[in-house]
Amino acid sequence: MKRNVSYQSNKGRTAAFVAAVALATIGIALYMITGGNLLKITDFIRPNAEVKSAPPIASGQTDKKQYQEKDNISSDNPASSPQPSSVHNSQLDEYRRYALEKINEDRQKFGKQPVYLSTNVAAQVHAEELVQTRHLSHWTTDGMKPYMRYSVNGGIGYVAQNAAAQYTQIDDPVFKSRIDACKRGLAYCDPVDIKKAIDTAEYNMMYNDAESEWGHKDNILDKYHTHVSIGIAYDSVDFAMVQNFENQYIMWDKQIGYEKSTGIVTMKGKIEGDIELQTINIYYDPLPKSQTYGDNYNKTSYGGGTLEALVVKPAPFGYTYPETQGYMIMVANKWDITNNGTAEQFAIEFSLNRLSSQYGDGAYTVILWGKDKSEGNIPLTNIALFKN
């Protein structure tokens, strides 16, 4: 199936105990770009596998880009933003550094550049929930997918999640009651060896991932990742680790924001290097809620919502964009891009009203796609804006 977007004239996620390790990553539909055409290669979600999704593309592109470090965003959200009970303490920081070393050792083995440690707390929030619920899921108990939780906790780029957990599983009721007593601090159990648990999780994701079609390994080795935020949580019997790999390529002057009263989405920033801004996609999810978690917590992969709109720059005088089937064409109110040869400045503004009037309350995820001139498509953001 091909979709062509072009101008037209107005004319026309313990040693003494039995441990279970489970892993999961994102899966979304895969697209290929052929000129100005969108060719849909597959429509299914592969369990435990991250599949990159190239964007639909409009004719008339922009200029250049590369990455920078930074960590915050203003994102209108439907719920309070839970903070982890443990963000920085010397022990957790040591474990995060250890986990980062393991990631970068694996990346080095395969000729990839190291990733930097991000300070975004979404991974820690998620890891703590995994220990509390004792159930591995990409959804947090408020119904949010990783990119939603990332956005609410200050994310500024693109995130792709690996999650691992080691839960003590004992069927004998006597041992079950002892485990419960250990978790409550009423009895003693041999503590989990955290570094060993990190080693096991990383090894399984890298070298024992065939059941997940090597999606975790692909995520760890993705050459476009620049950062990773690592959540580590544990008690006397259980352990969980969340790796939120990030693409941070944009230096933001004005992070992606949504003004409810006007429905206007604005953004302003700079990208350096040889990455061209390709297009802006808007994906839709219903508002997350606790029932969303109940409906999805057993799933081993998560989708990126439904593609509903493509934001395009204004057409030249005398031309317009044709209506399409499958997604809406939204013409930006402002699409200013300048390039000084080494960096590109952009300021973009568009109205969400037409789309939100059709779908109402929900999470509208803004995905900016870049293109490496010599390689391929790079997701620069997946920031969720909430209308409620």
Protein backbone atom coordinates (compact mmCIF):
# COMPACT_ATOMS: atom_id res chain seq x y z
CA MET A 1 0.00 0.00 0.00
CA LYS A 2 1.36 3.39 -0.93
CA ARG A 3 0.44 6.78 0.38
CA ASN A 4 1.73 9.79 -1.42
CA VAL A 5 1.84 13.17 0.25
CA SER A 6 2.62 16.00 -2.07
CA TYR A 7 1.55 19.46 -3.04
CA GLN A 8 -1.29 19.85 -5.42
CA SER A 9 -2.53 22.93 -7.18
CA ASN A 10 -5.70 24.53 -5.96
CA LYS A 11 -6.97 23.11 -9.09
CA GLY A 12 -7.17 20.20 -8.38
CA ARG A 13 9.47 -4.20 29.17
CA THR A 14 18.47 -14.85 44.68
CA ALA A 15 20.90 -17.32 44.90
CA ALA A 16 18.79 -19.09 47.60
CA PHE A 17 15.61 -18.62 45.61
CA VAL A 18 14.19 -19.60 42.25
CA ALA A 19 14.44 -16.54 40.00
CA ALA A 20 12.47 -15.68 36.92
CA VAL A 21 13.87 -13.16 34.49
CA ALA A 22 11.53 -11.61 31.98
CA LEU A 23 12.28 -9.01 29.36
CA ALA A 24 10.35 -6.85 26.96
CA THR A 25 10.69 -3.95 24.52
CA ILE A 26 8.59 -1.79 22.27
CA GLY A 27 7.13 -2.92 19.00
CA ILE A 28 5.55 -0.62 16.42
CA ALA A 29 4.63 -0.78 12.80
CA LEU A 30 7.47 -0.54 10.31
CA TYR A 31 7.40 1.79 7.35
CA MET A 32 9.76 2.42 4.49
CA ILE A 33 10.28 5.65 2.65
CA THR A 34 10.55 5.53 -1.11
CA GLY A 35 10.90 9.02 -2.46
CA GLY A 36 7.74 10.83 -1.47
CA ASN A 37 5.84 7.59 -1.01
CA LEU A 38 5.00 5.75 2.21
CA LEU A 39 5.19 1.99 1.80
CA LYS A 40 3.68 0.04 4.68
CA ILE A 41 5.86 -3.07 5.10
CA THR A 42 4.14 -4.69 8.08
CA ASP A 43 1.23 -3.97 10.31
CA PHE A 44 1.83 -6.26 13.27
CA ILE A 45 3.46 -5.73 16.67
CA ARG A 46 6.30 -8.18 17.21
CA PRO A 47 6.43 -9.38 20.86
CA ASN A 48 9.63 -8.39 22.67
CA ALA A 49 11.09 -6.65 19.67
CA GLU A 50 11.77 -3.03 18.98
CA VAL A 51 11.04 -2.16 15.38
CA LYS A 52 11.97 1.24 14.13
CA SER A 53 9.22 3.06 12.32
CA ALA A 54 10.19 5.45 9.57
CA PRO A 55 7.79 8.35 9.07
CA PRO A 56 5.43 9.29 6.36
CA ILE A 57 7.09 12.12 4.53
CA ALA A 58 5.94 15.24 2.80
CA SER A 59 7.66 16.71 -0.20
CA GLY A 60 9.78 19.76 0.46
CA GLN A 61 12.19 18.97 3.30
CA THR A 62 14.37 20.99 5.67
CA ASP A 63 18.06 21.07 6.54
CA LYS A 64 20.71 19.61 8.99
CA LYS A 65 21.10 18.27 12.57
CA GLN A 66 22.93 16.21 15.29
CA TYR A 67 22.77 15.64 19.09
CA GLN A 68 23.33 17.42 22.38
CA GLU A 69 22.87 16.63 26.08
CA LYS A 70 19.93 18.03 28.07
CA ASP A 71 17.02 16.81 30.19
CA ASN A 72 13.70 18.59 30.69
CA ILE A 73 10.40 19.43 29.00
CA SER A 74 7.16 21.17 29.61
CA SER A 75 4.45 18.63 28.87
CA ASP A 76 0.83 19.15 29.83
CA ASN A 77 -0.20 15.91 31.52
CA PRO A 78 -3.38 14.35 32.88
CA ALA A 79 -2.08 13.22 36.26
CA SER A 80 0.39 14.13 38.92
CA SER A 81 3.94 13.17 38.07
CA PRO A 82 5.08 10.44 40.51
CA GLN A 83 8.62 10.83 41.69
CA PRO A 84 10.71 7.81 42.63
CA SER A 85 11.28 7.23 46.32
CA SER A 86 14.97 6.75 45.54
CA VAL A 87 16.66 8.87 42.92
CA HIS A 88 20.16 9.57 44.08
CA ASN A 89 21.96 7.80 46.88
CA SER A 90 25.50 6.50 46.79
CA GLN A 91 24.47 2.85 46.49
CA LEU A 92 21.97 3.39 43.67
CA ASP A 93 24.36 5.68 41.83
CA GLU A 94 27.02 2.96 42.05
CA TYR A 95 24.63 0.37 40.62
CA ARG A 96 23.60 2.71 37.80
CA ARG A 97 27.21 3.37 36.89
CA TYR A 98 27.84 -0.38 36.92
CA ALA A 99 24.85 -1.04 34.69
CA LEU A 100 26.01 1.73 32.33
CA GLU A 101 29.47 0.15 32.14
CA LYS A 102 27.89 -3.17 31.13
CA ILE A 103 25.85 -1.47 28.41
CA ASN A 104 28.85 0.37 27.01
CA GLU A 105 31.04 -2.74 27.17
CA ASP A 106 28.52 -4.47 24.95
CA ARG A 107 28.24 -1.48 22.64
CA GLN A 108 32.04 -1.31 22.33
CA LYS A 109 32.22 -5.01 21.41
CA PHE A 110 29.99 -4.27 18.47
CA GLY A 111 31.69 -1.05 17.39
CA LYS A 112 29.04 1.35 18.75
CA GLN A 113 29.68 4.66 20.46
CA PRO A 114 29.05 4.78 24.24
CA VAL A 115 25.82 6.22 25.60
CA TYR A 116 25.72 8.78 28.41
CA LEU A 117 23.73 8.45 31.63
CA SER A 118 20.54 10.49 31.50
CA THR A 119 19.00 12.00 34.63
CA ASN A 120 15.40 11.43 33.57
CA VAL A 121 13.61 9.68 36.48
CA ALA A 122 10.93 7.80 34.52
CA ALA A 123 12.98 4.59 34.49
CA GLN A 124 13.38 4.71 38.28
CA VAL A 125 9.65 5.33 38.78
CA HIS A 126 8.94 2.33 36.59
CA ALA A 127 11.52 0.03 38.23
CA GLU A 128 10.12 0.76 41.69
CA GLU A 129 6.64 -0.13 40.48
CA LEU A 130 7.91 -3.43 39.05
CA VAL A 131 9.18 -4.43 42.49
CA GLN A 132 5.99 -3.26 44.19
CA THR A 133 3.63 -5.05 41.80
CA ARG A 134 5.94 -8.06 41.25
CA HIS A 135 4.77 -8.10 37.67
CA LEU A 136 6.86 -7.15 34.64
CA SER A 137 5.07 -4.73 32.37
CA HIS A 138 5.85 -1.80 30.08
CA TRP A 139 2.78 -0.01 31.45
CA THR A 140 2.94 1.81 34.79
CA THR A 141 -0.04 1.34 37.11
CA ASP A 142 -1.53 4.69 36.07
CA GLY A 143 -1.87 3.29 32.54
CA MET A 144 1.04 5.12 30.94
CA LYS A 145 3.30 3.65 28.28
CA PRO A 146 7.05 4.38 28.52
CA TYR A 147 7.00 7.45 26.26
CA MET A 148 4.12 8.94 28.25
CA ARG A 149 5.86 8.42 31.60
CA TYR A 150 9.08 9.75 30.04
CA SER A 151 7.27 12.89 28.89
CA VAL A 152 5.54 13.50 32.21
CA ASN A 153 8.87 13.11 34.03
CA GLY A 154 10.64 15.68 31.89
CA GLY A 155 11.77 13.83 28.78
CA ILE A 156 12.93 15.90 25.83
CA GLY A 157 13.83 13.35 23.18
CA TYR A 158 12.95 9.87 22.00
CA VAL A 159 12.77 6.86 24.36
CA ALA A 160 12.80 3.08 23.73
CA GLN A 161 12.53 0.76 26.73
CA ASN A 162 14.12 -2.51 27.89
CA ALA A 163 12.79 -3.90 31.19
CA ALA A 164 13.99 -6.87 33.27
CA ALA A 165 12.91 -8.33 36.60
CA GLN A 166 14.05 -11.13 38.91
CA TYR A 167 11.16 -12.25 41.07
CA THR A 168 11.42 -14.94 43.71
CA GLN A 169 8.92 -17.64 42.80
CA ILE A 170 8.16 -20.23 45.51
CA ASP A 171 5.07 -22.44 45.41
CA ASP A 172 5.42 -23.91 48.91
CA PRO A 173 3.01 -21.90 51.15
CA VAL A 174 5.49 -21.95 54.06
CA PHE A 175 8.17 -20.34 51.92
CA LYS A 176 5.61 -17.96 50.43
CA SER A 177 4.71 -16.67 53.87
CA ARG A 178 8.42 -16.31 54.72
CA ILE A 179 9.02 -14.28 51.57
CA ASP A 180 6.13 -12.03 52.49
CA ALA A 181 7.60 -11.63 55.98
CA CYS A 182 10.99 -10.80 54.45
CA LYS A 183 9.46 -8.14 52.24
CA ARG A 184 7.75 -6.66 55.30
CA GLY A 185 10.99 -6.73 57.29
CA LEU A 186 9.59 -9.26 59.76
CA ALA A 187 12.02 -12.03 58.80
CA TYR A 188 15.49 -12.32 57.30
CA CYS A 189 16.19 -13.51 53.78
CA ASP A 190 19.51 -13.57 51.97
CA PRO A 191 19.63 -10.30 50.02
CA VAL A 192 19.64 -10.19 46.26
CA ASP A 193 23.12 -9.77 44.77
CA ILE A 194 22.38 -6.61 42.78
CA LYS A 195 25.46 -6.56 40.56
CA LYS A 196 24.96 -10.23 39.74
CA ALA A 197 21.33 -9.49 38.89
CA ILE A 198 22.44 -6.65 36.59
CA ASP A 199 24.95 -8.99 34.93
CA THR A 200 22.26 -11.62 34.39
CA ALA A 201 19.75 -9.19 32.94
CA GLU A 202 22.28 -7.59 30.59
CA TYR A 203 23.60 -10.96 29.45
CA ASN A 204 20.15 -12.33 28.73
CA MET A 205 19.16 -9.24 26.78
CA MET A 206 22.32 -9.39 24.72
CA TYR A 207 23.03 -13.10 24.25
CA ASN A 208 19.91 -15.04 25.20
CA ASP A 209 17.24 -13.00 23.46
CA ALA A 210 16.17 -15.22 20.56
CA GLU A 211 12.72 -15.67 22.07
CA SER A 212 12.29 -11.90 21.76
CA GLU A 213 13.69 -11.88 18.22
CA TRP A 214 16.77 -10.05 19.59
CA GLY A 215 14.79 -6.88 20.16
CA HIS A 216 16.55 -6.09 23.46
CA LYS A 217 19.95 -6.54 21.87
CA ASP A 218 18.96 -4.33 18.98
CA ASN A 219 17.84 -1.64 21.41
CA ILE A 220 21.11 -1.80 23.41
CA LEU A 221 23.16 -1.59 20.21
CA ASP A 222 21.13 1.03 18.37
CA LYS A 223 23.75 3.38 16.99
CA TYR A 224 21.45 6.37 17.16
CA HIS A 225 20.97 6.20 20.96
CA THR A 226 22.92 8.92 22.75
CA HIS A 227 21.79 8.45 26.37
CA VAL A 228 20.20 5.89 28.70
CA SER A 229 18.29 6.49 31.92
CA ILE A 230 18.54 3.47 34.24
CA GLY A 231 16.04 2.55 36.94
CA ILE A 232 17.12 0.01 39.56
CA ALA A 233 14.88 -1.15 42.40
CA TYR A 234 15.09 -4.09 44.80
CA ASP A 235 14.14 -5.43 48.19
CA SER A 236 15.25 -8.53 50.11
CA VAL A 237 13.86 -10.92 47.49
CA ASP A 238 13.15 -9.12 44.19
CA PHE A 239 15.01 -6.97 41.65
CA ALA A 240 13.98 -4.88 38.66
CA MET A 241 15.91 -2.84 36.14
CA VAL A 242 14.57 -0.54 33.45
CA GLN A 243 16.74 0.79 30.63
CA ASN A 244 15.19 3.76 28.86
CA PHE A 245 17.40 4.39 25.86
CA GLU A 246 17.16 7.94 24.58
CA ASN A 247 17.90 9.87 21.44
CA GLN A 248 18.85 13.43 22.39
CA TYR A 249 19.74 15.38 19.30
CA ILE A 250 17.92 18.66 19.84
CA MET A 251 19.06 21.64 21.92
CA TRP A 252 15.77 23.18 22.95
CA ASP A 253 15.14 26.89 23.30
CA LYS A 254 11.43 26.22 23.75
CA GLN A 255 10.52 22.60 24.38
CA ILE A 256 7.44 21.08 22.81
CA GLY A 257 4.46 22.56 24.61
CA TYR A 258 0.68 22.59 24.26
CA GLU A 259 -1.52 25.53 25.20
CA LYS A 260 -4.93 24.15 26.11
CA SER A 261 -6.81 27.41 25.73
CA THR A 262 -5.75 27.90 22.12
CA GLY A 263 -4.88 24.35 21.07
CA ILE A 264 -1.53 25.58 19.75
CA VAL A 265 1.60 23.39 19.87
CA THR A 266 4.92 25.25 19.80
CA MET A 267 8.60 24.28 19.69
CA LYS A 268 11.91 26.02 19.06
CA GLY A 269 15.41 24.56 19.02
CA LYS A 270 18.64 23.79 17.26
CA ILE A 271 20.11 20.66 15.76
CA GLU A 272 23.74 20.34 14.73
CA GLY A 273 25.32 18.01 12.21
CA ASP A 274 24.18 16.05 9.21
CA ILE A 275 20.64 15.12 10.18
CA GLU A 276 17.79 16.60 8.23
CA LEU A 277 14.43 17.23 9.80
CA GLN A 278 12.13 15.01 7.80
CA THR A 279 8.63 15.37 9.17
CA ILE A 280 6.41 15.63 12.22
CA ASN A 281 3.91 12.86 13.01
CA ILE A 282 1.11 12.94 15.59
CA TYR A 283 0.07 9.64 17.19
CA TYR A 284 -3.04 9.22 19.33
CA ASP A 285 -3.77 7.13 22.45
CA PRO A 286 -6.82 7.37 24.74
CA LEU A 287 -6.06 9.03 28.07
CA PRO A 288 -4.16 6.60 30.33
CA LYS A 289 -5.92 5.36 33.45
CA SER A 290 -5.64 2.49 35.93
CA GLN A 291 -7.95 0.35 33.80
CA THR A 292 -5.50 0.78 30.91
CA TYR A 293 -2.88 -0.95 33.05
CA GLY A 294 -5.35 -3.70 33.90
CA ASP A 295 -6.09 -4.25 30.23
CA ASN A 296 -2.46 -4.30 29.07
CA TYR A 297 -0.09 -5.29 31.90
CA ASN A 298 0.45 -8.81 30.53
CA LYS A 299 1.50 -7.65 27.08
CA THR A 300 5.16 -8.17 26.18
CA SER A 301 5.39 -5.19 23.84
CA TYR A 302 3.79 -1.81 23.43
CA GLY A 303 2.77 0.14 20.40
CA GLY A 304 3.31 3.80 19.69
CA GLY A 305 -0.34 4.74 19.41
CA THR A 306 -2.15 5.26 16.14
CA LEU A 307 -0.74 7.54 13.46
CA GLU A 308 -3.40 10.19 12.97
CA ALA A 309 -1.74 13.26 11.50
CA LEU A 310 1.20 14.59 9.56
CA VAL A 311 2.30 18.18 10.22
CA VAL A 312 3.60 19.91 7.12
CA LYS A 313 5.00 23.31 6.30
CA PRO A 314 2.76 25.71 4.42
CA ALA A 315 2.48 24.96 0.74
CA PRO A 316 3.77 27.49 -1.78
CA PHE A 317 1.39 30.19 -2.92
CA GLY A 318 -1.24 28.76 -5.21
CA TYR A 319 -0.82 25.19 -3.94
CA THR A 320 -2.43 23.08 -1.25
CA TYR A 321 -2.12 19.56 0.19
CA PRO A 322 -4.60 16.88 -0.88
CA GLU A 323 -6.74 15.13 1.70
CA THR A 324 -5.46 11.62 2.49
CA GLN A 325 -6.93 8.41 3.79
CA GLY A 326 -5.51 7.07 7.05
CA TYR A 327 -4.16 10.28 8.56
CA MET A 328 -4.83 14.00 8.60
CA ILE A 329 -2.67 16.64 6.93
CA MET A 330 -2.17 19.59 9.31
CA VAL A 331 -0.52 22.66 7.87
CA ALA A 332 1.74 24.47 10.35
CA ASN A 333 0.98 28.08 11.23
CA LYS A 334 4.71 28.70 11.50
CA TRP A 335 7.58 26.74 9.97
CA ASP A 336 10.78 28.79 10.22
CA ILE A 337 14.07 27.03 9.56
CA THR A 338 17.43 28.70 9.10
CA ASN A 339 20.85 27.13 8.65
CA ASN A 340 24.28 28.68 9.14
CA GLY A 341 26.15 25.71 7.70
CA THR A 342 26.88 24.02 11.03
CA ALA A 343 23.53 24.11 12.83
CA GLU A 344 19.90 24.53 12.01
CA GLN A 345 17.54 26.70 13.99
CA PHE A 346 13.87 25.86 13.83
CA ALA A 347 10.68 27.37 15.18
CA ILE A 348 7.47 25.49 14.46
CA GLU A 349 3.92 26.12 15.53
CA PHE A 350 0.70 24.35 14.63
CA SER A 351 -2.85 23.94 15.85
CA LEU A 352 -4.04 20.64 17.33
CA ASN A 353 -7.66 21.74 17.28
CA ARG A 354 -8.79 20.00 14.12
CA LEU A 355 -7.38 16.67 15.28
CA SER A 356 -8.46 17.02 18.93
CA SER A 357 -11.97 17.99 17.88
CA GLN A 358 -12.18 14.66 16.09
CA TYR A 359 -10.63 12.46 18.82
CA GLY A 360 -11.25 14.49 21.97
CA ASP A 361 -9.37 13.85 25.19
CA GLY A 362 -6.24 11.75 24.85
CA ALA A 363 -2.47 11.59 24.56
CA TYR A 364 -1.19 13.19 21.38
CA THR A 365 2.41 12.08 20.83
CA VAL A 366 4.61 14.36 18.75
CA ILE A 367 7.32 12.50 16.84
CA LEU A 368 9.94 14.54 15.03
CA TRP A 369 11.79 12.46 12.47
CA GLY A 370 15.28 13.23 11.27
CA LYS A 371 17.22 11.72 8.43
CA ASP A 372 20.94 10.93 8.49
CA LYS A 373 22.07 11.75 4.98
CA SER A 374 24.27 8.68 4.76
CA GLU A 375 22.13 6.20 6.72
CA GLY A 376 18.43 6.49 7.40
CA ASN A 377 15.59 7.76 9.54
CA ILE A 378 16.12 8.75 13.19
CA PRO A 379 13.32 9.38 15.70
CA LEU A 380 14.22 12.60 17.50
CA THR A 381 11.26 12.81 19.88
CA ASN A 382 8.21 10.91 21.06
CA ILE A 383 6.78 13.45 23.48
CA ALA A 384 3.22 12.96 24.65
CA LEU A 385 0.95 15.98 25.11
CA PHE A 386 -2.23 15.39 27.04
CA LYS A 387 -5.63 16.90 26.37
CA ASN A 388 -8.19 16.29 29.12
